[in-house]
Amino acid sequence: MAASTTNGTSSKDLSHLPDISFAFVEEFIRKHSQSSGKEQMTKGFKYYSEEYVHSVSVHPDDTGCLVKGKCFRSQRKNESPHDVKIMLNGGQIEYSFCTCTIGQSGYCGHVSALLYQLAHYKSLKMKLIPTDIAKTSLPQTWHVPRGQKLHGEKADNIVVQGYDREDPQRATKGIKSTLYNPIPGNEAINVNDLLVQVNDMDILFDTVVTEHRTELVQTEFGKFPKGSILSYQQKMASDYLLNLMDNNSFPELPLKNVMINNFETVLMKDQLKKYDSLKVTLLESKEIEEGTRLQSNDPKWHKIRRDRITASHAGEIAKRRADGAKLAERLQSTRHVQTAAMKRGIECEVTAAQAYSKVMNDNVNLYPCGVIVNP
């Protein structure tokens, strides 16, 4: 059957279309867009890949063909879709139009989406435009799981993206990991094995080769010597300061108590019950110290200190001459007080730790310490 040459005739026959490629579409957008055309290409490809384009039809005539289609709105899909028209003649686009505001000029994301859709049909060598199948005509898929949409990523690959309140559509730069490998190659060179192969007469190399083997640890970039320069790229830790890599384990606290307790008293029955409830074993004391190293940032730290007299109040109790009832009432208060001096001290803990390490000629390791309860 011969193809109709009437302008008003609608057809699904793709043979009336010239050969359109994705490169042809991008060249057309760059040539006619008032800007670089990147935005139109990005939006058009998004609409095409997410199946926004539908109801495509071809209207052939004596010189070329008119392609009509519809494209859903990007924001409000419940409203009527945009009407898109493209006139093709002799392998060139003579006319393009869209009912959106930007489409009055003929170069918008919806026009690009229809062109991408036509290029997709031609790349697959399709002869007819496939029929749009309504969702109501398909079997129900409620029992089919949608699948996991979010996938795990390495922390180095995550980009924290914000937005501009003045212009929410403007793309922001974002923040991502700046960790890099300054050493070429995937693994560290084993110098000892290389020097063993050198002539034994070379005295210089003989003095370099030793029996000592440096411990290798697994890093982001492979195995490297323990304490290598790669660790210096990490952000300064506010909780600890390591200078001696041979001894980087935190000591178990409390240590052996060498103080002699000469204080003796007889408690009332209720007081004895309260005292027994506060007593801990040596193992419990070590677990408390290890679990409260975050100090004021950990709720356990506040809970353990609430019913105990801490070292910061010991001097105040020893110097007390007046009635201790009011002092005891104040010490049992659950109100959290943080003065400006206390806040300043917390902010300067890292600086103070660095200064102390410098005074000790960087021959000391500093670790965070939790609440130490005498067992």
Protein backbone atom coordinates (compact mmCIF):
# COMPACT_ATOMS: atom_id res chain seq x y z
CA MET A 1 0.00 0.00 0.00
CA ALA A 2 1.35 3.38 -0.99
CA ALA A 3 1.90 5.96 1.73
CA SER A 4 -0.54 8.82 1.87
CA THR A 5 0.72 12.27 0.84
CA THR A 6 -2.05 14.23 2.52
CA ASN A 7 -0.96 16.67 5.24
CA GLY A 8 -3.78 15.70 7.60
CA THR A 9 -3.04 11.96 7.48
CA SER A 10 -1.51 10.48 10.64
CA SER A 11 0.81 7.51 10.41
CA LYS A 12 3.08 5.35 12.58
CA ASP A 13 5.42 4.64 9.67
CA LEU A 14 9.01 5.66 10.51
CA SER A 15 10.20 5.27 6.92
CA HIS A 16 9.14 8.86 6.24
CA LEU A 17 11.72 10.07 8.76
CA PRO A 18 15.32 10.78 7.71
CA ASP A 19 18.13 9.04 9.55
CA ILE A 20 18.43 10.87 12.88
CA SER A 21 21.21 10.11 15.34
CA PHE A 22 21.93 11.35 18.85
CA ALA A 23 24.85 13.37 17.47
CA PHE A 24 22.47 15.05 15.00
CA VAL A 25 20.15 16.03 17.87
CA GLU A 26 22.95 17.51 19.99
CA GLU A 27 24.40 19.41 17.02
CA PHE A 28 20.97 20.90 16.27
CA ILE A 29 20.49 22.02 19.89
CA ARG A 30 23.96 23.60 20.14
CA LYS A 31 23.53 25.41 16.83
CA HIS A 32 20.14 26.99 17.53
CA SER A 33 20.13 27.43 21.30
CA GLN A 34 20.77 30.92 22.65
CA SER A 35 23.13 29.41 25.26
CA SER A 36 25.48 26.44 25.11
CA GLY A 37 22.49 24.08 24.87
CA LYS A 38 23.70 21.93 27.75
CA GLU A 39 20.56 22.52 29.81
CA GLN A 40 18.24 21.62 26.94
CA MET A 41 20.20 18.44 26.22
CA THR A 42 20.27 17.41 29.89
CA LYS A 43 16.56 17.95 30.42
CA GLY A 44 15.64 16.46 27.05
CA PHE A 45 17.60 13.27 27.69
CA LYS A 46 16.04 13.02 31.16
CA TYR A 47 12.51 13.31 29.74
CA TYR A 48 13.34 10.78 27.02
CA SER A 49 14.96 8.21 29.34
CA GLU A 50 12.15 8.46 31.90
CA GLU A 51 9.48 7.96 29.20
CA TYR A 52 7.91 11.40 29.40
CA VAL A 53 7.38 11.37 25.61
CA HIS A 54 4.26 9.59 24.31
CA SER A 55 1.54 9.74 21.62
CA VAL A 56 4.11 10.18 18.82
CA SER A 57 2.69 10.32 15.29
CA VAL A 58 4.06 11.09 11.80
CA HIS A 59 2.22 13.28 9.25
CA PRO A 60 3.96 12.87 5.85
CA ASP A 61 3.66 15.34 2.95
CA ASP A 62 5.26 15.81 -0.46
CA THR A 63 8.50 17.40 0.83
CA GLY A 64 9.01 15.84 4.25
CA CYS A 65 7.01 15.04 7.35
CA LEU A 66 5.59 16.62 10.47
CA VAL A 67 6.14 14.75 13.75
CA LYS A 68 3.77 15.39 16.63
CA GLY A 69 4.06 14.17 20.18
CA LYS A 70 3.22 14.90 23.79
CA CYS A 71 5.60 15.32 26.73
CA PHE A 72 4.58 15.26 30.37
CA ARG A 73 5.33 18.30 32.50
CA SER A 74 8.40 17.99 34.71
CA GLN A 75 6.76 19.47 37.82
CA ARG A 76 3.00 18.86 37.65
CA LYS A 77 2.32 15.61 35.83
CA ASN A 78 -1.39 15.72 36.70
CA GLU A 79 -1.84 18.65 34.31
CA SER A 80 -2.20 18.27 30.57
CA PRO A 81 1.10 17.44 28.79
CA HIS A 82 2.84 19.81 26.39
CA ASP A 83 2.22 19.47 22.65
CA VAL A 84 5.43 19.22 20.62
CA LYS A 85 5.76 19.58 16.83
CA ILE A 86 8.81 19.12 14.60
CA MET A 87 8.92 19.65 10.81
CA LEU A 88 11.58 17.59 8.99
CA ASN A 89 12.52 18.18 5.36
CA GLY A 90 15.45 16.69 3.48
CA GLY A 91 17.28 15.56 6.57
CA GLN A 92 17.04 18.99 8.22
CA ILE A 93 14.73 20.45 10.84
CA GLU A 94 12.78 23.34 9.34
CA TYR A 95 10.46 24.07 12.22
CA SER A 96 9.99 23.09 15.87
CA PHE A 97 7.45 24.21 18.44
CA CYS A 98 6.29 23.42 21.99
CA THR A 99 3.40 24.79 24.06
CA CYS A 100 5.66 25.52 27.05
CA THR A 101 6.95 29.05 27.64
CA ILE A 102 10.49 28.39 26.42
CA GLY A 103 9.20 26.23 23.56
CA GLN A 104 7.77 29.26 21.74
CA SER A 105 11.28 29.74 20.35
CA GLY A 106 11.34 26.10 19.27
CA TYR A 107 14.31 24.99 21.36
CA CYS A 108 13.36 23.59 24.77
CA GLY A 109 13.84 20.38 26.72
CA HIS A 110 10.56 18.91 25.44
CA VAL A 111 11.59 19.40 21.80
CA SER A 112 14.95 17.80 22.62
CA ALA A 113 13.16 14.88 24.28
CA LEU A 114 11.06 14.19 21.16
CA LEU A 115 14.18 14.36 18.97
CA TYR A 116 15.99 11.92 21.27
CA GLN A 117 12.98 9.60 21.08
CA LEU A 118 13.02 9.67 17.26
CA ALA A 119 16.79 9.07 17.24
CA HIS A 120 16.21 6.09 19.52
CA TYR A 121 13.65 4.62 17.10
CA LYS A 122 16.01 5.05 14.13
CA SER A 123 19.00 3.58 15.99
CA LEU A 124 16.98 0.43 16.66
CA LYS A 125 15.97 0.33 12.96
CA MET A 126 12.32 0.24 13.90
CA LYS A 127 9.82 0.51 11.05
CA LEU A 128 6.79 1.57 13.09
CA ILE A 129 6.30 3.67 16.20
CA PRO A 130 5.39 1.29 19.06
CA THR A 131 1.92 1.69 20.50
CA ASP A 132 1.70 3.34 23.93
CA ILE A 133 0.32 0.74 26.32
CA ALA A 134 -1.89 2.14 29.06
CA LYS A 135 -1.10 1.08 32.62
CA THR A 136 -4.66 -0.20 33.02
CA SER A 137 -4.08 -2.64 30.16
CA LEU A 138 -1.10 -4.27 31.88
CA PRO A 139 -1.33 -6.99 34.56
CA GLN A 140 -1.25 -5.74 38.15
CA THR A 141 2.22 -5.65 39.69
CA TRP A 142 1.40 -5.00 43.34
CA HIS A 143 2.92 -8.31 44.38
CA VAL A 144 6.25 -7.51 42.65
CA PRO A 145 8.74 -5.83 45.00
CA ARG A 146 10.04 -2.51 43.76
CA GLY A 147 13.57 -3.45 44.77
CA GLN A 148 16.18 -1.53 46.70
CA LYS A 149 16.61 1.89 45.15
CA LEU A 150 19.45 3.08 47.40
CA HIS A 151 22.82 1.38 47.22
CA GLY A 152 25.74 1.55 49.58
CA GLU A 153 28.69 3.71 48.60
CA LYS A 154 32.14 4.27 50.00
CA ALA A 155 32.51 7.38 52.12
CA ASP A 156 35.09 8.73 49.65
CA ASN A 157 32.49 8.60 46.84
CA ILE A 158 29.72 10.44 48.69
CA VAL A 159 29.11 14.08 47.76
CA VAL A 160 27.23 16.25 50.25
CA GLN A 161 25.12 18.56 48.09
CA GLY A 162 23.34 21.66 49.37
CA TYR A 163 21.19 24.25 47.66
CA ASP A 164 21.05 28.00 47.25
CA ARG A 165 18.03 29.54 48.99
CA GLU A 166 18.10 32.51 46.66
CA ASP A 167 18.19 30.28 43.58
CA PRO A 168 17.27 26.64 44.44
CA GLN A 169 17.65 25.57 40.79
CA ARG A 170 21.32 26.56 40.70
CA ALA A 171 23.68 23.60 41.08
CA THR A 172 26.03 23.89 44.06
CA LYS A 173 29.60 22.67 44.19
CA GLY A 174 29.14 20.14 47.01
CA ILE A 175 31.61 18.68 49.49
CA LYS A 176 33.41 15.38 49.04
CA SER A 177 36.43 13.54 50.36
CA THR A 178 39.81 14.97 49.36
CA LEU A 179 41.80 11.86 50.30
CA TYR A 180 44.37 11.02 47.65
CA ASN A 181 47.36 8.75 47.21
CA PRO A 182 50.59 10.75 46.79
CA ILE A 183 52.66 7.60 46.19
CA PRO A 184 52.71 6.28 42.59
CA GLY A 185 51.88 2.62 42.20
CA ASN A 186 49.48 0.39 44.05
CA GLU A 187 51.83 -1.09 46.61
CA ALA A 188 54.90 0.09 48.51
CA ILE A 189 58.22 -1.09 47.11
CA ASN A 190 59.93 -3.71 49.26
CA VAL A 191 63.39 -2.14 49.47
CA ASN A 192 64.90 -5.00 51.48
CA ASP A 193 64.15 -7.58 48.78
CA LEU A 194 65.61 -5.32 46.09
CA LEU A 195 68.81 -4.62 48.00
CA VAL A 196 69.41 -8.32 48.65
CA GLN A 197 69.82 -8.76 44.89
CA VAL A 198 72.57 -6.11 44.74
CA ASN A 199 76.23 -7.13 44.56
CA ASP A 200 77.62 -7.99 48.00
CA MET A 201 80.74 -5.90 47.32
CA ASP A 202 78.77 -2.66 47.56
CA ILE A 203 79.47 -1.62 51.17
CA LEU A 204 76.87 1.17 51.17
CA PHE A 205 74.02 -1.18 50.41
CA ASP A 206 75.36 -3.74 52.88
CA THR A 207 74.99 -1.23 55.68
CA VAL A 208 71.45 -0.33 54.61
CA VAL A 209 70.07 -3.87 54.49
CA THR A 210 68.92 -5.00 57.92
CA GLU A 211 67.08 -7.98 59.28
CA HIS A 212 64.36 -5.73 60.69
CA ARG A 213 61.09 -6.01 58.81
CA THR A 214 58.64 -3.12 59.00
CA GLU A 215 55.10 -4.13 59.84
CA LEU A 216 52.73 -3.55 56.92
CA VAL A 217 49.12 -2.55 57.49
CA GLN A 218 46.17 -2.45 55.10
CA THR A 219 45.23 1.07 53.98
CA GLU A 220 42.91 2.59 51.39
CA PHE A 221 45.72 2.35 48.82
CA GLY A 222 47.06 -1.11 49.64
CA LYS A 223 49.61 -2.33 52.20
CA PHE A 224 52.02 0.29 53.54
CA PRO A 225 54.39 0.49 56.55
CA LYS A 226 52.71 1.19 59.86
CA GLY A 227 52.85 4.90 60.68
CA SER A 228 53.50 5.96 57.07
CA ILE A 229 52.87 9.41 55.66
CA LEU A 230 49.40 8.33 54.51
CA SER A 231 48.12 8.71 58.07
CA TYR A 232 49.13 12.38 58.07
CA GLN A 233 46.44 13.17 55.49
CA GLN A 234 43.69 12.43 57.98
CA LYS A 235 42.03 15.25 59.86
CA MET A 236 43.51 15.95 63.29
CA ALA A 237 41.62 13.89 65.86
CA SER A 238 40.23 15.85 68.78
CA ASP A 239 40.12 12.76 71.02
CA TYR A 240 43.69 11.48 70.85
CA LEU A 241 47.21 12.40 69.79
CA LEU A 242 49.63 9.66 68.70
CA ASN A 243 53.37 10.24 68.46
CA LEU A 244 54.74 6.82 69.40
CA MET A 245 53.54 4.27 66.87
CA ASP A 246 55.17 1.33 68.69
CA ASN A 247 52.81 1.80 71.62
CA ASN A 248 49.38 2.89 70.45
CA SER A 249 47.17 0.87 72.82
CA PHE A 250 45.19 2.63 75.53
CA PRO A 251 46.10 1.44 79.07
CA GLU A 252 43.41 -0.26 81.12
CA LEU A 253 42.17 2.03 83.85
CA PRO A 254 41.98 2.20 86.78
CA LEU A 255 45.52 1.15 87.52
CA LYS A 256 46.48 -0.54 90.76
CA ASN A 257 45.44 1.67 93.68
CA VAL A 258 48.52 2.52 95.75
CA MET A 259 46.73 4.94 98.09
CA ILE A 260 46.02 3.83 101.64
CA ASN A 261 42.50 4.51 102.90
CA ASN A 262 42.57 5.36 106.61
CA PHE A 263 38.98 6.60 106.74
CA GLU A 264 36.51 4.46 108.66
CA THR A 265 32.86 5.09 109.44
CA VAL A 266 29.70 3.25 110.36
CA LEU A 267 26.80 3.89 108.01
CA MET A 268 23.10 3.70 108.72
CA LYS A 269 21.07 0.95 107.07
CA ASP A 270 19.69 3.19 104.32
CA GLN A 271 23.11 4.76 103.78
CA LEU A 272 24.73 1.33 103.53
CA LYS A 273 22.22 0.26 100.86
CA LYS A 274 22.95 3.40 98.88
CA TYR A 275 26.69 2.86 99.24
CA ASP A 276 26.46 -0.78 98.15
CA SER A 277 24.47 0.25 95.06
CA LEU A 278 27.35 2.50 94.00
CA LYS A 279 30.11 -0.06 94.50
CA VAL A 280 31.60 -1.63 91.36
CA THR A 281 34.05 -4.41 90.65
CA LEU A 282 37.39 -3.94 88.91
CA LEU A 283 35.97 -5.32 85.63
CA GLU A 284 32.93 -3.03 85.86
CA SER A 285 35.19 -0.07 86.56
CA LYS A 286 37.21 -0.76 83.41
CA GLU A 287 34.02 -1.10 81.34
CA ILE A 288 32.71 2.20 82.71
CA GLU A 289 35.93 4.01 81.82
CA GLU A 290 35.99 2.56 78.30
CA GLY A 291 32.31 3.34 77.68
CA THR A 292 32.44 7.00 78.79
CA ARG A 293 35.46 8.29 76.87
CA LEU A 294 33.24 10.67 74.90
CA GLN A 295 32.60 12.37 78.25
CA SER A 296 29.87 15.05 78.10
CA ASN A 297 28.80 13.90 74.62
CA ASP A 298 27.73 10.53 76.03
CA PRO A 299 24.53 10.14 78.15
CA LYS A 300 26.24 7.37 80.18
CA TRP A 301 28.81 9.92 81.35
CA HIS A 302 26.10 12.12 82.92
CA LYS A 303 24.23 9.13 84.40
CA ILE A 304 27.29 7.72 86.21
CA ARG A 305 28.40 11.12 87.57
CA ARG A 306 24.92 12.04 88.84
CA ASP A 307 25.08 10.07 92.14
CA ARG A 308 28.83 10.32 92.71
CA ILE A 309 31.18 12.95 94.09
CA THR A 310 33.66 13.72 91.33
CA ALA A 311 37.21 14.99 91.70
CA SER A 312 36.13 18.49 90.68
CA HIS A 313 34.02 18.76 93.87
CA ALA A 314 36.40 16.98 96.26
CA GLY A 315 38.28 20.16 97.13
CA GLU A 316 35.07 22.10 97.73
CA ILE A 317 33.83 19.41 100.14
CA ALA A 318 37.14 19.27 102.03
CA LYS A 319 37.18 23.05 102.57
CA ARG A 320 33.52 23.27 103.61
CA ARG A 321 33.06 24.70 107.12
CA ALA A 322 29.36 25.49 107.11
CA ASP A 323 26.47 23.05 107.17
CA GLY A 324 26.88 20.51 104.39
CA ALA A 325 23.15 20.03 103.76
CA LYS A 326 22.89 22.84 101.23
CA LEU A 327 26.08 21.70 99.54
CA ALA A 328 24.75 18.13 99.29
CA GLU A 329 21.49 19.44 97.85
CA ARG A 330 23.38 21.47 95.25
CA LEU A 331 25.61 18.53 94.30
CA GLN A 332 22.56 16.30 93.77
CA SER A 333 20.92 18.78 91.40
CA THR A 334 20.31 17.46 87.88
CA ARG A 335 20.59 20.93 86.36
CA HIS A 336 23.36 21.07 83.76
CA VAL A 337 25.57 24.11 84.20
CA GLN A 338 28.19 25.18 81.67
CA THR A 339 29.94 28.47 82.24
CA ALA A 340 31.78 30.45 79.60
CA ALA A 341 35.10 29.31 81.06
CA MET A 342 34.03 25.65 80.88
CA LYS A 343 32.93 26.04 77.26
CA ARG A 344 36.20 27.76 76.41
CA GLY A 345 38.15 24.95 78.08
CA ILE A 346 36.38 22.30 76.01
CA GLU A 347 37.09 24.22 72.80
CA CYS A 348 40.81 24.51 73.65
CA GLU A 349 41.37 20.87 74.67
CA VAL A 350 42.94 20.00 71.31
CA THR A 351 45.26 23.03 71.41
CA ALA A 352 46.26 22.23 75.00
CA ALA A 353 47.01 18.62 74.07
CA GLN A 354 49.26 19.76 71.21
CA ALA A 355 51.06 22.23 73.46
CA TYR A 356 51.67 19.53 76.09
CA SER A 357 52.96 17.14 73.44
CA LYS A 358 55.34 19.83 72.17
CA VAL A 359 56.68 20.47 75.69
CA MET A 360 57.32 16.72 76.02
CA ASN A 361 59.25 16.77 72.70
CA ASP A 362 56.49 14.75 71.01
CA ASN A 363 57.47 11.75 73.11
CA VAL A 364 54.04 11.07 74.55
CA ASN A 365 50.67 9.72 73.40
CA LEU A 366 47.45 11.38 74.59
CA TYR A 367 44.18 9.46 74.77
CA PRO A 368 40.64 10.33 75.89
CA CYS A 369 39.72 9.14 79.37
CA GLY A 370 36.32 8.20 80.72
CA VAL A 371 34.94 8.19 84.26
CA ILE A 372 37.20 6.25 86.64
CA VAL A 373 35.37 4.74 89.61
CA ASN A 374 37.50 3.30 92.38
CA PRO A 375 36.47 -0.38 92.71
